[in-house]
Amino acid sequence: MYTAKIALPEYCENELILQSDNRNYMRNLELLCAENKVSCVTTVEVKPRVVTFKGQGSTPAVAAKADAKADIKAASGSK
């Protein structure tokens, strides 16, 4: 989600706030504001992502099996 705040000189206290999911619209709005010498501040709202790490959140049986595989691999590689 992109948010643009436009401060118009004739309306000193108020700001025009526009929101869009389209990046190209906001880029074109910035170019239009620059052409007309109007203050425009664009921000990006980033949605948090769920990150899972390998080996985390698994059941004890799955973790034990993975540990056994790692032990066997380490033992066979050292010979």
C-alpha atoms as a PDB file:
ATOM      1  CA  MET A   1       0.000   0.000   0.000  1.00  0.00           C
ATOM      2  CA  TYR A   2       1.394   3.380  -1.026  1.00  0.00           C
ATOM      3  CA  THR A   3       0.330   6.598   0.674  1.00  0.00           C
ATOM      4  CA  ALA A   4       0.909  10.084  -0.721  1.00  0.00           C
ATOM      5  CA  LYS A   5       0.488  13.265   1.320  1.00  0.00           C
ATOM      6  CA  ILE A   6       0.127  16.399  -0.760  1.00  0.00           C
ATOM      7  CA  ALA A   7       0.420  19.800   0.902  1.00  0.00           C
ATOM      8  CA  LEU A   8      -1.219  22.511  -1.189  1.00  0.00           C
ATOM      9  CA  PRO A   9       0.039  26.079  -0.699  1.00  0.00           C
ATOM     10  CA  GLU A  10      -3.438  27.655  -0.650  1.00  0.00           C
ATOM     11  CA  TYR A  11      -4.617  25.200   2.044  1.00  0.00           C
ATOM     12  CA  CYS A  12      -1.792  25.482   4.577  1.00  0.00           C
ATOM     13  CA  GLU A  13      -3.363  23.474   7.394  1.00  0.00           C
ATOM     14  CA  ASN A  14      -4.853  20.600   5.396  1.00  0.00           C
ATOM     15  CA  GLU A  15      -3.176  17.802   3.481  1.00  0.00           C
ATOM     16  CA  LEU A  16      -4.598  15.692   0.708  1.00  0.00           C
ATOM     17  CA  ILE A  17      -3.951  11.993   1.449  1.00  0.00           C
ATOM     18  CA  LEU A  18      -4.165   9.470  -1.384  1.00  0.00           C
ATOM     19  CA  GLN A  19      -3.680   5.692  -1.129  1.00  0.00           C
ATOM     20  CA  SER A  20      -3.130   3.099  -3.829  1.00  0.00           C
ATOM     21  CA  ASP A  21      -1.738  -0.403  -4.325  1.00  0.00           C
ATOM     22  CA  ASN A  22      -0.321   0.547  -7.714  1.00  0.00           C
ATOM     23  CA  ARG A  23       3.284   1.784  -7.651  1.00  0.00           C
ATOM     24  CA  ASN A  24       3.029   3.369 -11.097  1.00  0.00           C
ATOM     25  CA  TYR A  25       0.142   5.605 -10.008  1.00  0.00           C
ATOM     26  CA  MET A  26       2.172   6.953  -7.103  1.00  0.00           C
ATOM     27  CA  ARG A  27       5.234   7.505  -9.276  1.00  0.00           C
ATOM     28  CA  ASN A  28       3.153   9.446 -11.802  1.00  0.00           C
ATOM     29  CA  LEU A  29       1.626  11.455  -8.956  1.00  0.00           C
ATOM     30  CA  GLU A  30       5.116  12.392  -7.733  1.00  0.00           C
ATOM     31  CA  LEU A  31       6.087  13.506 -11.243  1.00  0.00           C
ATOM     32  CA  LEU A  32       2.894  15.555 -11.550  1.00  0.00           C
ATOM     33  CA  CYS A  33       3.531  17.224  -8.188  1.00  0.00           C
ATOM     34  CA  ALA A  34       7.135  18.008  -9.137  1.00  0.00           C
ATOM     35  CA  GLU A  35       5.978  19.527 -12.426  1.00  0.00           C
ATOM     36  CA  ASN A  36       3.493  21.767 -10.601  1.00  0.00           C
ATOM     37  CA  LYS A  37       5.903  22.550  -7.744  1.00  0.00           C
ATOM     38  CA  VAL A  38       3.627  21.030  -5.089  1.00  0.00           C
ATOM     39  CA  SER A  39       4.968  19.223  -2.028  1.00  0.00           C
ATOM     40  CA  CYS A  40       4.283  15.479  -2.193  1.00  0.00           C
ATOM     41  CA  VAL A  41       5.584  12.852   0.251  1.00  0.00           C
ATOM     42  CA  THR A  42       5.065   9.206  -0.700  1.00  0.00           C
ATOM     43  CA  THR A  43       5.485   6.369   1.778  1.00  0.00           C
ATOM     44  CA  VAL A  44       5.276   2.599   1.443  1.00  0.00           C
ATOM     45  CA  GLU A  45       3.473   0.428   3.987  1.00  0.00           C
ATOM     46  CA  VAL A  46       5.226  -2.923   4.207  1.00  0.00           C
ATOM     47  CA  LYS A  47       3.249  -5.947   5.305  1.00  0.00           C
ATOM     48  CA  PRO A  48       5.092  -8.186   7.759  1.00  0.00           C
ATOM     49  CA  ARG A  49       5.937 -11.677   6.527  1.00  0.00           C
ATOM     50  CA  VAL A  50       6.024 -14.836   8.588  1.00  0.00           C
ATOM     51  CA  VAL A  51       9.492 -16.353   8.424  1.00  0.00           C
ATOM     52  CA  THR A  52      10.122 -19.945   9.443  1.00  0.00           C
ATOM     53  CA  PHE A  53      13.609 -21.257  10.014  1.00  0.00           C
ATOM     54  CA  LYS A  54      14.704 -24.734   9.053  1.00  0.00           C
ATOM     55  CA  GLY A  55      14.309 -27.084  11.979  1.00  0.00           C
ATOM     56  CA  GLN A  56      12.123 -24.713  13.969  1.00  0.00           C
ATOM     57  CA  GLY A  57       8.516 -25.533  14.750  1.00  0.00           C
ATOM     58  CA  SER A  58       8.802 -29.208  13.889  1.00  0.00           C
ATOM     59  CA  THR A  59       7.570 -32.108  15.995  1.00  0.00           C
ATOM     60  CA  PRO A  60      10.068 -33.955  18.238  1.00  0.00           C
ATOM     61  CA  ALA A  61       9.864 -37.062  16.022  1.00  0.00           C
ATOM     62  CA  VAL A  62      10.733 -35.092  12.893  1.00  0.00           C
ATOM     63  CA  ALA A  63      13.551 -33.284  14.719  1.00  0.00           C
ATOM     64  CA  ALA A  64      14.991 -36.589  15.975  1.00  0.00           C
ATOM     65  CA  LYS A  65      14.891 -38.056  12.473  1.00  0.00           C
ATOM     66  CA  ALA A  66      16.678 -34.998  11.069  1.00  0.00           C
ATOM     67  CA  ASP A  67      19.321 -35.224  13.810  1.00  0.00           C
ATOM     68  CA  ALA A  68      19.876 -38.921  13.035  1.00  0.00           C
ATOM     69  CA  LYS A  69      20.314 -38.149   9.321  1.00  0.00           C
ATOM     70  CA  ALA A  70      22.791 -35.391  10.152  1.00  0.00           C
ATOM     71  CA  ASP A  71      24.745 -37.752  12.443  1.00  0.00           C
ATOM     72  CA  ILE A  72      24.896 -40.458   9.774  1.00  0.00           C
ATOM     73  CA  LYS A  73      25.999 -37.953   7.149  1.00  0.00           C
ATOM     74  CA  ALA A  74      28.700 -36.549   9.444  1.00  0.00           C
ATOM     75  CA  ALA A  75      29.964 -40.032  10.327  1.00  0.00           C
ATOM     76  CA  SER A  76      30.154 -41.178   6.710  1.00  0.00           C
ATOM     77  CA  GLY A  77      31.923 -37.999   5.640  1.00  0.00           C
ATOM     78  CA  SER A  78      34.690 -38.252   8.261  1.00  0.00           C
ATOM     79  CA  LYS A  79      35.902 -41.705   7.136  1.00  0.00           C
END
